[in-house]
Amino acid sequence: MHIQKITTTQSLLKPPLSEKLKSGCVVLQPGQEVGEHVTENREEVLIILEGTATVACEQEIAEINAPSFVYIPKNKKHNVINNSTLPLKYLYIVTPVN
């Protein structure tokens, strides 16, 4: 078992502690974004804890309020943006990690 307090943007779990799972916490201030990226052969889950996220996945864009769950299929270009006036806090989980 591994227990970790979540405070700010940080990695929560990754190899070698886990075998095939990577996770972390992201805090975006108003106007910030993660940046467009592809997780290649990995699926990703976003758990929106606080605030409102603008999630762009390929040609689809959605405004997602907390608390919410977002699934990003493998090989999809995506980005998470905070277009709101309040901080956005979310967890990401990516698997499998090569």
Protein backbone atom coordinates (compact mmCIF):
# COMPACT_ATOMS: atom_id res chain seq x y z
CA MET A 1 0.00 0.00 0.00
CA HIS A 2 1.14 3.54 -0.77
CA ILE A 3 -0.51 6.62 0.76
CA GLN A 4 0.36 10.16 -0.26
CA LYS A 5 -1.19 13.50 0.68
CA ILE A 6 -2.27 15.57 -2.33
CA THR A 7 -1.30 19.21 -2.01
CA THR A 8 -0.25 20.73 -5.36
CA THR A 9 0.75 19.66 -8.85
CA GLN A 10 2.73 16.48 -8.28
CA SER A 11 3.35 12.95 -9.46
CA LEU A 12 1.48 10.50 -7.26
CA LEU A 13 2.46 7.09 -8.60
CA LYS A 14 4.75 5.74 -11.31
CA PRO A 15 7.21 2.93 -11.89
CA PRO A 16 9.15 1.51 -10.11
CA LEU A 17 6.63 1.91 -7.27
CA SER A 18 3.85 0.74 -9.60
CA GLU A 19 4.19 -1.77 -12.42
CA LYS A 20 2.07 -0.24 -15.19
CA LEU A 21 0.33 2.78 -13.75
CA LYS A 22 1.21 6.46 -13.67
CA SER A 23 -0.84 9.10 -11.87
CA GLY A 24 -0.56 12.62 -10.62
CA CYS A 25 -2.32 15.74 -9.47
CA VAL A 26 -2.46 18.91 -11.57
CA VAL A 27 -3.44 22.37 -10.38
CA LEU A 28 -3.95 24.93 -13.13
CA GLN A 29 -4.47 28.59 -12.36
CA PRO A 30 -6.88 30.65 -14.51
CA GLY A 31 -5.58 30.86 -18.07
CA GLN A 32 -3.12 27.97 -17.73
CA GLU A 33 -3.16 24.78 -19.78
CA VAL A 34 -1.31 21.47 -19.82
CA GLY A 35 -0.47 21.69 -23.52
CA GLU A 36 -1.65 19.52 -26.38
CA HIS A 37 -0.16 16.02 -26.20
CA VAL A 38 -0.77 12.37 -27.11
CA THR A 39 -0.43 9.56 -24.57
CA GLU A 40 0.28 7.15 -27.46
CA ASN A 41 -0.68 3.56 -26.63
CA ARG A 42 -1.97 4.54 -23.20
CA GLU A 43 -5.47 5.29 -21.99
CA GLU A 44 -5.92 8.24 -19.63
CA VAL A 45 -8.53 9.10 -17.02
CA LEU A 46 -9.04 12.61 -15.65
CA ILE A 47 -10.90 13.12 -12.38
CA ILE A 48 -11.91 16.76 -12.05
CA LEU A 49 -11.84 17.56 -8.32
CA GLU A 50 -12.29 21.35 -8.21
CA GLY A 51 -13.17 24.02 -10.76
CA THR A 52 -14.06 23.80 -14.43
CA ALA A 53 -11.88 22.20 -17.10
CA THR A 54 -12.00 22.78 -20.82
CA VAL A 55 -10.95 19.44 -22.28
CA ALA A 56 -10.10 19.25 -25.97
CA CYS A 57 -9.76 15.74 -27.41
CA GLU A 58 -9.12 15.65 -31.16
CA GLN A 59 -12.05 17.69 -32.62
CA GLU A 60 -14.25 17.53 -29.50
CA ILE A 61 -14.20 20.30 -26.86
CA ALA A 62 -16.15 20.13 -23.59
CA GLU A 63 -16.51 22.30 -20.48
CA ILE A 64 -16.44 19.94 -17.50
CA ASN A 65 -17.38 20.95 -13.97
CA ALA A 66 -16.18 19.23 -10.80
CA PRO A 67 -16.75 16.57 -9.72
CA SER A 68 -16.45 14.72 -13.02
CA PHE A 69 -14.68 11.81 -14.70
CA VAL A 70 -13.19 12.03 -18.23
CA TYR A 71 -11.86 9.11 -20.29
CA ILE A 72 -9.27 9.78 -23.04
CA PRO A 73 -8.75 6.81 -25.41
CA LYS A 74 -5.24 5.85 -26.50
CA ASN A 75 -3.56 7.72 -29.38
CA LYS A 76 -5.83 10.80 -29.04
CA LYS A 77 -4.39 14.33 -29.09
CA HIS A 78 -5.77 16.21 -26.08
CA ASN A 79 -5.31 19.22 -23.82
CA VAL A 80 -6.70 20.44 -20.49
CA ILE A 81 -7.26 24.19 -20.13
CA ASN A 82 -8.48 26.33 -17.27
CA ASN A 83 -10.62 29.02 -18.91
CA SER A 84 -12.38 29.85 -15.64
CA THR A 85 -11.59 32.49 -13.02
CA LEU A 86 -10.91 29.90 -10.29
CA PRO A 87 -8.13 27.28 -9.90
CA LEU A 88 -8.68 23.88 -11.54
CA LYS A 89 -7.55 20.75 -9.67
CA TYR A 90 -7.64 17.28 -11.20
CA LEU A 91 -6.05 13.85 -11.00
CA TYR A 92 -4.79 11.94 -14.03
CA ILE A 93 -4.28 8.20 -14.32
CA VAL A 94 -2.43 6.70 -17.29
CA THR A 95 -2.03 3.00 -18.03
CA PRO A 96 -0.25 0.96 -19.22
CA VAL A 97 3.10 2.67 -18.84
CA ASN A 98 5.84 1.07 -20.93
